[in-house]
Amino acid sequence: MSTVTTHVLDTARGLPAQGVPVQLHRLVPPEPAPVGSGTTDADGRITDLTSGQLEPGTYQLRFDVAAYAAASGQDIFFPEVIVTFTITDERHYHVPLLLSPFAYSTYRGS
């Protein structure tokens, strides 16, 4: 079984992105099934997206960037960021998001 955490950094402001709502979904037909959610803390992190372990499969992290933009007084081009990834084995998966008003990037963290 696996776990997932995330970390959001506002690269334009050079700060952790506090208050970003995030949902974790497992992609299973006929539509995605929610398996966890949270809001980034003062350090931009969510360490408890789910209450349990995750089975292998394809998942999505959905970042509500519009809510963060409104709260931080910014105009952001992408109102939502969806990151799709695959859990293949039993380990910890960390999926950070680097955010700016007109771009974002992500990677598999440690």
Protein backbone atom coordinates (compact mmCIF):
# COMPACT_ATOMS: atom_id res chain seq x y z
CA MET A 1 0.00 0.00 0.00
CA SER A 2 1.13 3.58 -0.72
CA THR A 3 0.70 7.12 0.60
CA VAL A 4 0.61 10.49 -1.19
CA THR A 5 1.63 13.93 0.01
CA THR A 6 2.00 17.27 -1.76
CA HIS A 7 3.70 20.63 -1.35
CA VAL A 8 2.75 23.83 -3.22
CA LEU A 9 5.22 26.67 -3.65
CA ASP A 10 4.31 30.08 -5.08
CA THR A 11 7.45 30.75 -7.12
CA ALA A 12 6.36 34.29 -8.08
CA ARG A 13 6.13 35.36 -4.44
CA GLY A 14 8.92 33.09 -3.23
CA LEU A 15 6.66 31.64 -0.53
CA PRO A 16 4.82 28.44 0.34
CA ALA A 17 1.27 28.56 -1.04
CA GLN A 18 -0.89 28.42 2.07
CA GLY A 19 -4.61 27.64 1.75
CA VAL A 20 -4.69 25.71 -1.53
CA PRO A 21 -7.58 23.21 -1.49
CA VAL A 22 -6.50 19.86 -2.96
CA GLN A 23 -8.51 16.75 -3.79
CA LEU A 24 -7.13 13.29 -4.49
CA HIS A 25 -9.13 11.05 -6.84
CA ARG A 26 -8.60 7.50 -8.03
CA LEU A 27 -9.40 7.10 -11.72
CA VAL A 28 -11.80 4.18 -11.91
CA PRO A 29 -14.59 3.78 -14.48
CA PRO A 30 -17.09 5.23 -14.96
CA GLU A 31 -15.79 8.37 -13.21
CA PRO A 32 -13.05 9.40 -10.76
CA ALA A 33 -13.62 8.39 -7.13
CA PRO A 34 -12.56 10.85 -4.41
CA VAL A 35 -10.21 9.24 -1.89
CA GLY A 36 -8.94 12.24 0.06
CA SER A 37 -8.65 15.99 0.37
CA GLY A 38 -6.98 18.72 2.34
CA THR A 39 -5.76 22.31 2.33
CA THR A 40 -2.13 23.34 2.31
CA ASP A 41 -0.76 24.53 5.64
CA ALA A 42 1.48 27.54 6.37
CA ASP A 43 4.41 25.64 4.83
CA GLY A 44 2.38 24.84 1.68
CA ARG A 45 2.16 21.15 2.60
CA ILE A 46 -0.50 18.50 2.98
CA THR A 47 0.78 15.43 4.76
CA ASP A 48 -2.56 13.73 5.43
CA LEU A 49 -4.52 13.55 2.15
CA THR A 50 -6.00 10.17 3.01
CA SER A 51 -6.82 8.30 6.16
CA GLY A 52 -5.36 5.07 4.82
CA GLN A 53 -3.12 3.40 2.29
CA LEU A 54 -3.70 3.54 -1.48
CA GLU A 55 -3.88 0.61 -3.87
CA PRO A 56 -1.90 0.60 -7.14
CA GLY A 57 -3.69 2.53 -9.89
CA THR A 58 -4.00 5.89 -11.59
CA TYR A 59 -4.74 8.94 -9.45
CA GLN A 60 -5.27 12.67 -9.85
CA LEU A 61 -4.38 15.54 -7.57
CA ARG A 62 -6.70 18.49 -8.26
CA PHE A 63 -5.37 21.82 -7.01
CA ASP A 64 -7.94 24.64 -6.65
CA VAL A 65 -5.62 27.43 -7.75
CA ALA A 66 -8.50 29.91 -8.19
CA ALA A 67 -9.28 29.78 -4.46
CA TYR A 68 -5.63 30.41 -3.63
CA ALA A 69 -5.42 33.29 -6.15
CA ALA A 70 -8.50 34.96 -4.68
CA ALA A 71 -7.21 34.63 -1.12
CA SER A 72 -3.73 35.93 -2.01
CA GLY A 73 -4.96 38.77 -4.26
CA GLN A 74 -3.40 37.44 -7.45
CA ASP A 75 -4.59 36.99 -11.00
CA ILE A 76 -3.75 33.45 -12.12
CA PHE A 77 -4.20 32.10 -15.64
CA PHE A 78 -4.84 28.47 -14.62
CA PRO A 79 -7.80 28.25 -12.19
CA GLU A 80 -7.21 24.54 -11.59
CA VAL A 81 -4.20 22.28 -11.93
CA ILE A 82 -4.76 18.56 -12.36
CA VAL A 83 -1.80 16.21 -12.03
CA THR A 84 -2.38 12.61 -13.10
CA PHE A 85 0.07 9.96 -11.93
CA THR A 86 0.32 6.21 -11.45
CA ILE A 87 1.00 4.36 -8.22
CA THR A 88 2.75 1.12 -9.13
CA ASP A 89 4.25 -0.16 -5.92
CA GLU A 90 4.23 0.17 -2.16
CA ARG A 91 6.04 3.37 -1.30
CA HIS A 92 5.51 7.00 -0.46
CA TYR A 93 4.66 9.32 -3.38
CA HIS A 94 5.34 13.04 -2.99
CA VAL A 95 3.96 15.28 -5.77
CA PRO A 96 5.02 18.94 -5.41
CA LEU A 97 3.52 21.80 -7.43
CA LEU A 98 5.49 24.93 -8.34
CA LEU A 99 3.03 27.71 -9.12
CA SER A 100 3.23 31.13 -10.74
CA PRO A 101 0.58 33.38 -12.32
CA PHE A 102 1.12 32.09 -15.87
CA ALA A 103 2.78 28.70 -15.42
CA TYR A 104 3.13 25.67 -13.21
CA SER A 105 5.38 22.63 -13.01
CA THR A 106 5.43 19.44 -11.05
CA TYR A 107 7.71 16.49 -10.46
CA ARG A 108 7.96 13.33 -8.43
CA GLY A 109 9.54 14.35 -5.16
CA SER A 110 11.06 12.32 -2.39
